Every structure is written in C-alpha cells, then in structure tokens.
Amino acid sequence: MSIFSLFGGKAKKPSYPQDKIATRDGGEVTLTFFSHASLAIEVDDRHIYIDPVDSFADYAHLPKADVVVVTHSHYDHLDRTAIDKITTRQSAIVCDKTSAEAFDFDCFTMTPGSTAEPIEGVHIEAVAAYNTSEGHLDFHPKAREDCGYIITIGGTRFYIAGDTENNEDVKSVKDIDIAFLPVNQPYTMTVDQAVDAVKAIRPAIFYPYHYGQVEEKTDIERLAHELEGVAEVRVRPME
C-alpha cells in the first residue's frame, strides 16, 4: 500500500547522511549514519542495520533488513521496537548472548571469537568489547561477553567495536579497512584511548561514533588532529 501525505502525494522516504565505500572486489557499499551507534550498510540492495534504536531513525519507512546486528543489551543499542519495525520473517538477527536471552530472539548468538554468515557474501566475526579502567568495569564487564563485530563484504573489513575501551582484544584486531570506535566518557573510550586503539588497528578510515549523549563533551577536533597521518578520520553526526 502506498503511503500518502496530507496533501495527497506520496510520502518521502526519510534521508540520512551517507558515504559510498569502494570494496576490495570492485563493488560498492553505502554507509548510512543515523545517530550514536545506529548505522546501516547497504550492498547490492541488501540492508544491514547495526544497533537500531527507534528514537534515532524512522525505521518504519526504511527498507526492510536482510540482517540486524546487535552489539549488546543496553537501551541505546538494543531496542525491540526498532527491530520489529525493520525486520520481516526472512531477516537474520546477529546478537550477543545477553541480547538473545533478554528478548528471546531467534538469532545467530555470538560470543567473542565466534563467526557467522547470516546471508551470502556477508561474513561476521565477534570481537570482545569491555572496559578496563578502574571505576568503569561495571559499565561493560568482560564476563558479560558483549561484542564488537568485523563485517567482511567484498573483501573489505568493517570493524564496529560496540561499547568498549582500548583493551588488548580491540588492539589485536588486524587488517581493518573501516573502523567505528566509541569515544564518550565515562562509558567507553577517552580521546587518548581512541588514539591508542586507532594507532594499533591502523584502519584506512576511522569513524568516531557513540561520542555524545553524555555531559562530558568529546574533543573530536583533538582526536582528528592526533590521528593525522595515521588514518583518514571522518566525522559524521554520530553523537
């Protein structure tokens, strides 16, 4: 059924900032930036949504998901309302075990080190995501086994780190083309920790994300300056 506006015309599909990324096999993916940790990857008219949250995007009017990826069960990453709006019976859900248990998803349940191929041509590896700083350990404890993910499409490796600090599991990630790392206090990385992580990972492109919605403002300008010559830093509206 068509959607019509009050004036009788067809409603416009919501639009959000996007980047086009060439993949290693000569293809192309489109990254769509919603807010905070919510983004999407489109390849060959297939749609992968990362940590969809209903208040960050008009999911009911976006293309349905082929894959939904959930890093962990905090409210700003896992939102059943958004997932219900964006999925069909054919959609695959990839999530950490705590999210799977909380909402009884029929999903690919991931723990650090596990892998999945929810649809053909999309390979996903889970990476441990946790805090290490004194006083911050309860935010994202290692024992809970929250996940970041390396998503490989067309030979290009996208690392979406989830909520984590610059622990050794994060810094051991290799051969990353595009990295999304969280930079907000007190829950994830400081600017210095993010710089340290990017210098260890060495992605071609680094997107700071999850860098807002807290009282302490992240110094994104300093972050970009510190990483000159290390990676291309692309700042998008991912507060």
C-alpha atoms as a PDB file:
ATOM      1  CA  MET A   1       0.000   0.000   0.000  1.00  0.00           C
ATOM      2  CA  SER A   2       1.339   3.430  -0.904  1.00  0.00           C
ATOM      3  CA  ILE A   3       1.941   5.991   1.822  1.00  0.00           C
ATOM      4  CA  PHE A   4       0.397   9.388   1.148  1.00  0.00           C
ATOM      5  CA  SER A   5       0.939  12.739   2.775  1.00  0.00           C
ATOM      6  CA  LEU A   6      -1.789  15.068   3.978  1.00  0.00           C
ATOM      7  CA  PHE A   7      -1.672  16.761   0.584  1.00  0.00           C
ATOM      8  CA  GLY A   8      -2.304  13.580  -1.344  1.00  0.00           C
ATOM      9  CA  GLY A   9       1.252  12.981  -2.563  1.00  0.00           C
ATOM     10  CA  LYS A  10       3.481  10.039  -1.798  1.00  0.00           C
ATOM     11  CA  ALA A  11       5.450  10.479   1.433  1.00  0.00           C
ATOM     12  CA  LYS A  12       9.183  10.910   1.040  1.00  0.00           C
ATOM     13  CA  LYS A  13      11.476   8.174   2.282  1.00  0.00           C
ATOM     14  CA  PRO A  14      13.499   9.598   5.190  1.00  0.00           C
ATOM     15  CA  SER A  15      17.031  10.628   4.275  1.00  0.00           C
ATOM     16  CA  TYR A  16      20.186  10.497   6.374  1.00  0.00           C
ATOM     17  CA  PRO A  17      23.884  11.270   5.754  1.00  0.00           C
ATOM     18  CA  GLN A  18      25.625   8.627   3.655  1.00  0.00           C
ATOM     19  CA  ASP A  19      29.088   7.674   2.416  1.00  0.00           C
ATOM     20  CA  LYS A  20      29.944   5.426  -0.516  1.00  0.00           C
ATOM     21  CA  ILE A  21      32.793   2.973   0.059  1.00  0.00           C
ATOM     22  CA  ALA A  22      34.521   1.004  -2.716  1.00  0.00           C
ATOM     23  CA  THR A  23      35.121  -2.603  -1.716  1.00  0.00           C
ATOM     24  CA  ARG A  24      38.258  -4.571  -2.464  1.00  0.00           C
ATOM     25  CA  ASP A  25      36.462  -6.696  -5.072  1.00  0.00           C
ATOM     26  CA  GLY A  26      35.424  -3.638  -7.086  1.00  0.00           C
ATOM     27  CA  GLY A  27      31.924  -3.327  -5.656  1.00  0.00           C
ATOM     28  CA  GLU A  28      30.432  -0.574  -3.545  1.00  0.00           C
ATOM     29  CA  VAL A  29      28.674  -0.297  -0.223  1.00  0.00           C
ATOM     30  CA  THR A  30      26.683   2.598   1.174  1.00  0.00           C
ATOM     31  CA  LEU A  31      27.058   3.571   4.824  1.00  0.00           C
ATOM     32  CA  THR A  32      24.086   5.382   6.352  1.00  0.00           C
ATOM     33  CA  PHE A  33      24.562   7.286   9.612  1.00  0.00           C
ATOM     34  CA  PHE A  34      21.569   7.622  11.931  1.00  0.00           C
ATOM     35  CA  SER A  35      22.888   8.588  15.376  1.00  0.00           C
ATOM     36  CA  HIS A  36      25.088   7.393  18.240  1.00  0.00           C
ATOM     37  CA  ALA A  37      25.743   3.695  17.491  1.00  0.00           C
ATOM     38  CA  SER A  38      22.962   3.222  14.932  1.00  0.00           C
ATOM     39  CA  LEU A  39      24.045   2.909  11.315  1.00  0.00           C
ATOM     40  CA  ALA A  40      23.400   0.815   8.229  1.00  0.00           C
ATOM     41  CA  ILE A  41      25.385  -0.878   5.489  1.00  0.00           C
ATOM     42  CA  GLU A  42      23.806  -1.409   2.070  1.00  0.00           C
ATOM     43  CA  VAL A  43      25.313  -3.672  -0.580  1.00  0.00           C
ATOM     44  CA  ASP A  44      23.589  -4.880  -3.754  1.00  0.00           C
ATOM     45  CA  ASP A  45      20.204  -3.745  -2.418  1.00  0.00           C
ATOM     46  CA  ARG A  46      20.686  -5.767   0.763  1.00  0.00           C
ATOM     47  CA  HIS A  47      20.396  -3.897   4.035  1.00  0.00           C
ATOM     48  CA  ILE A  48      22.345  -4.482   7.246  1.00  0.00           C
ATOM     49  CA  TYR A  49      21.324  -2.448  10.297  1.00  0.00           C
ATOM     50  CA  ILE A  50      23.649  -2.024  13.275  1.00  0.00           C
ATOM     51  CA  ASP A  51      22.175  -1.407  16.757  1.00  0.00           C
ATOM     52  CA  PRO A  52      18.874   0.105  15.543  1.00  0.00           C
ATOM     53  CA  VAL A  53      17.149   2.338  18.105  1.00  0.00           C
ATOM     54  CA  ASP A  54      13.697   3.719  17.371  1.00  0.00           C
ATOM     55  CA  SER A  55      14.388   7.295  18.511  1.00  0.00           C
ATOM     56  CA  PHE A  56      17.367   7.585  16.150  1.00  0.00           C
ATOM     57  CA  ALA A  57      15.631   6.887  12.821  1.00  0.00           C
ATOM     58  CA  ASP A  58      12.267   6.409  11.150  1.00  0.00           C
ATOM     59  CA  TYR A  59      12.750   2.674  10.757  1.00  0.00           C
ATOM     60  CA  ALA A  60       9.144   2.005   9.745  1.00  0.00           C
ATOM     61  CA  HIS A  61       9.774   3.856   6.470  1.00  0.00           C
ATOM     62  CA  LEU A  62      13.238   2.481   5.709  1.00  0.00           C
ATOM     63  CA  PRO A  63      13.984  -0.620   3.600  1.00  0.00           C
ATOM     64  CA  LYS A  64      13.483  -3.862   5.490  1.00  0.00           C
ATOM     65  CA  ALA A  65      16.529  -5.548   6.956  1.00  0.00           C
ATOM     66  CA  ASP A  66      18.271  -8.530   5.487  1.00  0.00           C
ATOM     67  CA  VAL A  67      20.436  -8.549   8.615  1.00  0.00           C
ATOM     68  CA  VAL A  68      20.229  -6.810  12.001  1.00  0.00           C
ATOM     69  CA  VAL A  69      23.366  -6.766  14.147  1.00  0.00           C
ATOM     70  CA  VAL A  70      23.194  -6.048  17.892  1.00  0.00           C
ATOM     71  CA  THR A  71      26.342  -5.496  19.948  1.00  0.00           C
ATOM     72  CA  HIS A  72      24.865  -5.664  23.456  1.00  0.00           C
ATOM     73  CA  SER A  73      21.735  -5.197  25.521  1.00  0.00           C
ATOM     74  CA  HIS A  74      21.986  -1.562  26.682  1.00  0.00           C
ATOM     75  CA  TYR A  75      18.969   0.555  25.720  1.00  0.00           C
ATOM     76  CA  ASP A  76      20.949   2.736  23.295  1.00  0.00           C
ATOM     77  CA  HIS A  77      21.979  -0.349  21.290  1.00  0.00           C
ATOM     78  CA  LEU A  78      19.149  -2.865  21.671  1.00  0.00           C
ATOM     79  CA  ASP A  79      15.598  -1.669  21.000  1.00  0.00           C
ATOM     80  CA  ARG A  80      12.943  -4.271  20.284  1.00  0.00           C
ATOM     81  CA  THR A  81      10.574  -1.645  18.860  1.00  0.00           C
ATOM     82  CA  ALA A  82      13.098  -0.654  16.177  1.00  0.00           C
ATOM     83  CA  ILE A  83      13.928  -4.273  15.398  1.00  0.00           C
ATOM     84  CA  ASP A  84      10.257  -5.163  14.990  1.00  0.00           C
ATOM     85  CA  LYS A  85       9.779  -2.221  12.597  1.00  0.00           C
ATOM     86  CA  ILE A  86      12.770  -3.054  10.422  1.00  0.00           C
ATOM     87  CA  THR A  87      12.556  -6.852  10.198  1.00  0.00           C
ATOM     88  CA  THR A  88      10.495  -9.464   8.392  1.00  0.00           C
ATOM     89  CA  ARG A  89      10.339 -13.217   8.907  1.00  0.00           C
ATOM     90  CA  GLN A  90      13.208 -13.519   6.447  1.00  0.00           C
ATOM     91  CA  SER A  91      15.510 -11.114   8.308  1.00  0.00           C
ATOM     92  CA  ALA A  92      18.546 -12.592  10.067  1.00  0.00           C
ATOM     93  CA  ILE A  93      19.474 -11.262  13.514  1.00  0.00           C
ATOM     94  CA  VAL A  94      23.035 -11.444  14.823  1.00  0.00           C
ATOM     95  CA  CYS A  95      23.453 -10.573  18.501  1.00  0.00           C
ATOM     96  CA  ASP A  96      25.402 -11.200  21.675  1.00  0.00           C
ATOM     97  CA  LYS A  97      24.116 -13.823  24.083  1.00  0.00           C
ATOM     98  CA  THR A  98      22.756 -11.321  26.650  1.00  0.00           C
ATOM     99  CA  SER A  99      20.591  -9.647  23.999  1.00  0.00           C
ATOM    100  CA  ALA A 100      19.415 -13.039  22.772  1.00  0.00           C
ATOM    101  CA  GLU A 101      18.408 -14.030  26.294  1.00  0.00           C
ATOM    102  CA  ALA A 102      16.731 -10.701  27.087  1.00  0.00           C
ATOM    103  CA  PHE A 103      14.366 -10.757  24.106  1.00  0.00           C
ATOM    104  CA  ASP A 104      14.281 -14.439  23.183  1.00  0.00           C
ATOM    105  CA  PHE A 105      15.434 -13.720  19.632  1.00  0.00           C
ATOM    106  CA  ASP A 106      15.716 -16.436  17.041  1.00  0.00           C
ATOM    107  CA  CYS A 107      19.183 -15.341  16.056  1.00  0.00           C
ATOM    108  CA  PHE A 108      22.816 -16.093  15.409  1.00  0.00           C
ATOM    109  CA  THR A 109      24.027 -15.878  19.014  1.00  0.00           C
ATOM    110  CA  MET A 110      27.593 -14.587  19.128  1.00  0.00           C
ATOM    111  CA  THR A 111      30.336 -14.671  21.723  1.00  0.00           C
ATOM    112  CA  PRO A 112      33.843 -13.233  21.277  1.00  0.00           C
ATOM    113  CA  GLY A 113      35.697 -15.319  18.714  1.00  0.00           C
ATOM    114  CA  SER A 114      32.609 -16.793  17.051  1.00  0.00           C
ATOM    115  CA  THR A 115      31.704 -16.283  13.393  1.00  0.00           C
ATOM    116  CA  ALA A 116      28.552 -16.259  11.286  1.00  0.00           C
ATOM    117  CA  GLU A 117      27.483 -15.822   7.670  1.00  0.00           C
ATOM    118  CA  PRO A 118      23.855 -14.685   8.039  1.00  0.00           C
ATOM    119  CA  ILE A 119      23.452 -14.101   4.309  1.00  0.00           C
ATOM    120  CA  GLU A 120      25.621 -14.994   1.361  1.00  0.00           C
ATOM    121  CA  GLY A 121      28.612 -12.694   0.967  1.00  0.00           C
ATOM    122  CA  VAL A 122      28.461 -11.224   4.484  1.00  0.00           C
ATOM    123  CA  HIS A 123      30.891 -12.732   6.983  1.00  0.00           C
ATOM    124  CA  ILE A 124      30.801 -11.619  10.640  1.00  0.00           C
ATOM    125  CA  GLU A 125      33.386 -12.169  13.373  1.00  0.00           C
ATOM    126  CA  ALA A 126      32.720 -11.280  17.017  1.00  0.00           C
ATOM    127  CA  VAL A 127      35.344  -9.344  18.994  1.00  0.00           C
ATOM    128  CA  ALA A 128      35.266  -8.893  22.777  1.00  0.00           C
ATOM    129  CA  ALA A 129      34.046  -5.462  23.923  1.00  0.00           C
ATOM    130  CA  TYR A 130      34.666  -4.450  27.545  1.00  0.00           C
ATOM    131  CA  ASN A 131      36.011  -1.810  29.902  1.00  0.00           C
ATOM    132  CA  THR A 132      39.364  -1.952  31.655  1.00  0.00           C
ATOM    133  CA  SER A 133      39.622   1.344  33.567  1.00  0.00           C
ATOM    134  CA  GLU A 134      39.227   1.343  37.344  1.00  0.00           C
ATOM    135  CA  GLY A 135      35.748   2.513  38.281  1.00  0.00           C
ATOM    136  CA  HIS A 136      34.378   1.779  34.801  1.00  0.00           C
ATOM    137  CA  LEU A 137      34.430  -2.011  34.837  1.00  0.00           C
ATOM    138  CA  ASP A 138      30.740  -2.415  35.621  1.00  0.00           C
ATOM    139  CA  PHE A 139      29.654  -0.478  32.524  1.00  0.00           C
ATOM    140  CA  HIS A 140      30.761  -3.234  30.172  1.00  0.00           C
ATOM    141  CA  PRO A 141      32.240  -6.139  32.143  1.00  0.00           C
ATOM    142  CA  LYS A 142      34.347  -8.637  30.228  1.00  0.00           C
ATOM    143  CA  ALA A 143      32.453 -11.565  31.745  1.00  0.00           C
ATOM    144  CA  ARG A 144      29.195 -10.465  30.091  1.00  0.00           C
ATOM    145  CA  GLU A 145      30.766 -11.087  26.665  1.00  0.00           C
ATOM    146  CA  ASP A 146      29.449  -8.021  24.850  1.00  0.00           C
ATOM    147  CA  CYS A 147      30.545  -7.971  21.236  1.00  0.00           C
ATOM    148  CA  GLY A 148      32.019  -5.787  18.590  1.00  0.00           C
ATOM    149  CA  TYR A 149      31.935  -7.164  15.049  1.00  0.00           C
ATOM    150  CA  ILE A 150      34.149  -7.364  11.991  1.00  0.00           C
ATOM    151  CA  ILE A 151      31.829  -7.467   8.981  1.00  0.00           C
ATOM    152  CA  THR A 152      33.524  -8.520   5.743  1.00  0.00           C
ATOM    153  CA  ILE A 153      31.828  -7.585   2.476  1.00  0.00           C
ATOM    154  CA  GLY A 154      33.528  -7.844  -0.895  1.00  0.00           C
ATOM    155  CA  GLY A 155      36.871  -8.415   0.819  1.00  0.00           C
ATOM    156  CA  THR A 156      36.566  -5.137   2.772  1.00  0.00           C
ATOM    157  CA  ARG A 157      36.611  -5.422   6.556  1.00  0.00           C
ATOM    158  CA  PHE A 158      34.418  -3.119   8.634  1.00  0.00           C
ATOM    159  CA  TYR A 159      35.051  -3.119  12.384  1.00  0.00           C
ATOM    160  CA  ILE A 160      32.154  -1.877  14.503  1.00  0.00           C
ATOM    161  CA  ALA A 161      33.551  -2.001  18.016  1.00  0.00           C
ATOM    162  CA  GLY A 162      30.415  -1.622  20.142  1.00  0.00           C
ATOM    163  CA  ASP A 163      30.899  -0.230  23.652  1.00  0.00           C
ATOM    164  CA  THR A 164      34.466  -0.871  24.711  1.00  0.00           C
ATOM    165  CA  GLU A 165      37.747   0.627  25.835  1.00  0.00           C
ATOM    166  CA  ASN A 166      41.101   0.123  24.139  1.00  0.00           C
ATOM    167  CA  ASN A 167      41.643  -3.321  25.603  1.00  0.00           C
ATOM    168  CA  GLU A 168      44.051  -5.853  24.144  1.00  0.00           C
ATOM    169  CA  ASP A 169      41.308  -7.675  22.231  1.00  0.00           C
ATOM    170  CA  VAL A 170      40.411  -4.450  20.443  1.00  0.00           C
ATOM    171  CA  LYS A 171      44.039  -3.549  19.755  1.00  0.00           C
ATOM    172  CA  SER A 172      44.720  -7.035  18.376  1.00  0.00           C
ATOM    173  CA  VAL A 173      42.219  -6.635  15.543  1.00  0.00           C
ATOM    174  CA  LYS A 174      44.046  -6.730  12.205  1.00  0.00           C
ATOM    175  CA  ASP A 175      43.560  -5.936   8.514  1.00  0.00           C
ATOM    176  CA  ILE A 176      40.729  -3.468   9.082  1.00  0.00           C
ATOM    177  CA  ASP A 177      39.709  -1.113   6.290  1.00  0.00           C
ATOM    178  CA  ILE A 178      36.967   0.856   8.073  1.00  0.00           C
ATOM    179  CA  ALA A 179      36.752   1.218  11.872  1.00  0.00           C
ATOM    180  CA  PHE A 180      33.998   2.600  14.080  1.00  0.00           C
ATOM    181  CA  LEU A 181      35.211   3.165  17.648  1.00  0.00           C
ATOM    182  CA  PRO A 182      33.206   4.678  20.534  1.00  0.00           C
ATOM    183  CA  VAL A 183      34.538   7.833  22.197  1.00  0.00           C
ATOM    184  CA  ASN A 184      32.448   9.032  25.116  1.00  0.00           C
ATOM    185  CA  GLN A 185      33.022   9.317  28.825  1.00  0.00           C
ATOM    186  CA  PRO A 186      32.667   7.715  31.253  1.00  0.00           C
ATOM    187  CA  TYR A 187      31.269   4.712  29.383  1.00  0.00           C
ATOM    188  CA  THR A 188      33.698   3.980  26.555  1.00  0.00           C
ATOM    189  CA  MET A 189      36.999   5.457  25.339  1.00  0.00           C
ATOM    190  CA  THR A 190      38.683   8.727  26.113  1.00  0.00           C
ATOM    191  CA  VAL A 191      40.211  10.610  23.205  1.00  0.00           C
ATOM    192  CA  ASP A 192      43.635   9.291  24.216  1.00  0.00           C
ATOM    193  CA  GLN A 193      42.367   5.719  24.364  1.00  0.00           C
ATOM    194  CA  ALA A 194      40.756   6.040  20.939  1.00  0.00           C
ATOM    195  CA  VAL A 195      44.008   7.423  19.507  1.00  0.00           C
ATOM    196  CA  ASP A 196      45.874   4.477  21.017  1.00  0.00           C
ATOM    197  CA  ALA A 197      43.381   1.992  19.553  1.00  0.00           C
ATOM    198  CA  VAL A 198      43.444   3.514  16.068  1.00  0.00           C
ATOM    199  CA  LYS A 199      47.247   3.530  16.065  1.00  0.00           C
ATOM    200  CA  ALA A 200      47.198  -0.174  16.925  1.00  0.00           C
ATOM    201  CA  ILE A 201      44.479  -1.160  14.427  1.00  0.00           C
ATOM    202  CA  ARG A 202      45.618   1.117  11.566  1.00  0.00           C
ATOM    203  CA  PRO A 203      42.387   1.281   9.556  1.00  0.00           C
ATOM    204  CA  ALA A 204      42.339   3.217   6.305  1.00  0.00           C
ATOM    205  CA  ILE A 205      39.289   5.158   7.517  1.00  0.00           C
ATOM    206  CA  PHE A 206      38.243   5.815  11.116  1.00  0.00           C
ATOM    207  CA  TYR A 207      34.750   6.963  12.052  1.00  0.00           C
ATOM    208  CA  PRO A 208      34.369   8.135  15.657  1.00  0.00           C
ATOM    209  CA  TYR A 209      30.923   7.106  16.814  1.00  0.00           C
ATOM    210  CA  HIS A 210      28.954   6.880  20.051  1.00  0.00           C
ATOM    211  CA  TYR A 211      30.626  10.165  21.049  1.00  0.00           C
ATOM    212  CA  GLY A 212      27.713  12.040  22.585  1.00  0.00           C
ATOM    213  CA  GLN A 213      24.605  11.862  24.778  1.00  0.00           C
ATOM    214  CA  VAL A 214      26.694  12.426  27.905  1.00  0.00           C
ATOM    215  CA  GLU A 215      27.619  15.538  29.868  1.00  0.00           C
ATOM    216  CA  GLU A 216      31.345  15.394  29.089  1.00  0.00           C
ATOM    217  CA  LYS A 217      31.827  16.571  25.510  1.00  0.00           C
ATOM    218  CA  THR A 218      34.271  14.608  23.368  1.00  0.00           C
ATOM    219  CA  ASP A 219      37.018  16.730  21.806  1.00  0.00           C
ATOM    220  CA  ILE A 220      36.568  15.462  18.256  1.00  0.00           C
ATOM    221  CA  GLU A 221      38.892  18.129  16.821  1.00  0.00           C
ATOM    222  CA  ARG A 222      41.767  16.953  19.013  1.00  0.00           C
ATOM    223  CA  LEU A 223      41.004  13.354  18.134  1.00  0.00           C
ATOM    224  CA  ALA A 224      41.257  14.108  14.424  1.00  0.00           C
ATOM    225  CA  HIS A 225      44.434  16.151  14.920  1.00  0.00           C
ATOM    226  CA  GLU A 226      46.132  13.393  16.920  1.00  0.00           C
ATOM    227  CA  LEU A 227      45.445  10.910  14.121  1.00  0.00           C
ATOM    228  CA  GLU A 228      46.764  12.957  11.213  1.00  0.00           C
ATOM    229  CA  GLY A 229      48.885  10.658   9.085  1.00  0.00           C
ATOM    230  CA  VAL A 230      47.583   7.557  10.870  1.00  0.00           C
ATOM    231  CA  ALA A 231      44.104   7.170   9.375  1.00  0.00           C
ATOM    232  CA  GLU A 232      41.579   9.251   7.497  1.00  0.00           C
ATOM    233  CA  VAL A 233      39.212  10.500  10.211  1.00  0.00           C
ATOM    234  CA  ARG A 234      35.645  11.038   9.023  1.00  0.00           C
ATOM    235  CA  VAL A 235      33.351  12.794  11.493  1.00  0.00           C
ATOM    236  CA  ARG A 236      29.668  12.183  10.904  1.00  0.00           C
ATOM    237  CA  PRO A 237      26.640  13.064  13.089  1.00  0.00           C
ATOM    238  CA  MET A 238      27.027  10.078  15.405  1.00  0.00           C
ATOM    239  CA  GLU A 239      26.713  11.818  18.776  1.00  0.00           C
END
